[in-house]
Amino acid sequence: MTREEAYSRCPSDSYVEFYGNEWLIVPFAQVEQPPFFVCQPDGDYLLV
């Protein structure tokens, strides 16, 4: 797949990357914050 083909086929929830001498369409992964980074509703947070 050429660069132009990869970009033309790439959906909005993915990105194009050149890897191993070829163009790849890579879907975005869901990002989850570890619990110790998430603030508590009362404003307290954990210090690690």
C-alpha atoms as a PDB file:
ATOM      1  CA  MET A   1       0.000   0.000   0.000  1.00  0.00           C
ATOM      2  CA  THR A   2       1.344   3.413  -0.900  1.00  0.00           C
ATOM      3  CA  ARG A   3       1.254   6.417   1.400  1.00  0.00           C
ATOM      4  CA  GLU A   4      -1.579   7.969  -0.616  1.00  0.00           C
ATOM      5  CA  GLU A   5      -3.635   4.741  -0.462  1.00  0.00           C
ATOM      6  CA  ALA A   6      -3.144   4.473   3.297  1.00  0.00           C
ATOM      7  CA  TYR A   7      -4.265   8.064   3.906  1.00  0.00           C
ATOM      8  CA  SER A   8      -7.256   7.717   1.577  1.00  0.00           C
ATOM      9  CA  ARG A   9      -8.444   4.539   3.381  1.00  0.00           C
ATOM     10  CA  CYS A  10      -7.701   5.748   6.921  1.00  0.00           C
ATOM     11  CA  PRO A  11     -10.869   6.182   9.050  1.00  0.00           C
ATOM     12  CA  SER A  12     -11.153   9.016  11.570  1.00  0.00           C
ATOM     13  CA  ASP A  13     -10.456   6.679  14.522  1.00  0.00           C
ATOM     14  CA  SER A  14      -7.046   5.605  13.143  1.00  0.00           C
ATOM     15  CA  TYR A  15      -3.727   7.022  11.997  1.00  0.00           C
ATOM     16  CA  VAL A  16      -1.157   6.177   9.322  1.00  0.00           C
ATOM     17  CA  GLU A  17       2.353   5.074  10.253  1.00  0.00           C
ATOM     18  CA  PHE A  18       5.363   4.002   8.204  1.00  0.00           C
ATOM     19  CA  TYR A  19       6.772   0.847   9.805  1.00  0.00           C
ATOM     20  CA  GLY A  20       8.913  -1.989   8.453  1.00  0.00           C
ATOM     21  CA  ASN A  21       9.135  -0.449   4.974  1.00  0.00           C
ATOM     22  CA  GLU A  22       5.337  -0.245   4.601  1.00  0.00           C
ATOM     23  CA  TRP A  23       2.457   2.126   5.365  1.00  0.00           C
ATOM     24  CA  LEU A  24       0.071   0.850   8.029  1.00  0.00           C
ATOM     25  CA  ILE A  25      -3.331   2.017   9.236  1.00  0.00           C
ATOM     26  CA  VAL A  26      -3.276   1.809  13.030  1.00  0.00           C
ATOM     27  CA  PRO A  27      -6.472   2.196  15.085  1.00  0.00           C
ATOM     28  CA  PHE A  28      -6.357   4.472  18.124  1.00  0.00           C
ATOM     29  CA  ALA A  29      -6.380   2.509  21.396  1.00  0.00           C
ATOM     30  CA  GLN A  30      -8.640   3.348  24.314  1.00  0.00           C
ATOM     31  CA  VAL A  31      -6.684   5.207  26.985  1.00  0.00           C
ATOM     32  CA  GLU A  32      -7.339   4.394  30.624  1.00  0.00           C
ATOM     33  CA  GLN A  33      -5.866   6.373  33.490  1.00  0.00           C
ATOM     34  CA  PRO A  34      -4.466   4.281  36.338  1.00  0.00           C
ATOM     35  CA  PRO A  35      -6.593   4.777  39.496  1.00  0.00           C
ATOM     36  CA  PHE A  36      -3.804   6.642  41.322  1.00  0.00           C
ATOM     37  CA  PHE A  37      -3.920   9.437  38.685  1.00  0.00           C
ATOM     38  CA  VAL A  38      -7.675  10.007  38.953  1.00  0.00           C
ATOM     39  CA  CYS A  39      -8.857  12.735  41.346  1.00  0.00           C
ATOM     40  CA  GLN A  40     -11.552  11.820  43.825  1.00  0.00           C
ATOM     41  CA  PRO A  41     -14.916  13.692  43.665  1.00  0.00           C
ATOM     42  CA  ASP A  42     -14.250  15.485  46.991  1.00  0.00           C
ATOM     43  CA  GLY A  43     -10.988  16.922  45.653  1.00  0.00           C
ATOM     44  CA  ASP A  44      -8.704  14.544  47.526  1.00  0.00           C
ATOM     45  CA  TYR A  45      -6.135  12.606  45.579  1.00  0.00           C
ATOM     46  CA  LEU A  46      -3.630   9.893  46.315  1.00  0.00           C
ATOM     47  CA  LEU A  47       0.046  10.718  46.594  1.00  0.00           C
ATOM     48  CA  VAL A  48       2.253   7.831  45.541  1.00  0.00           C
END
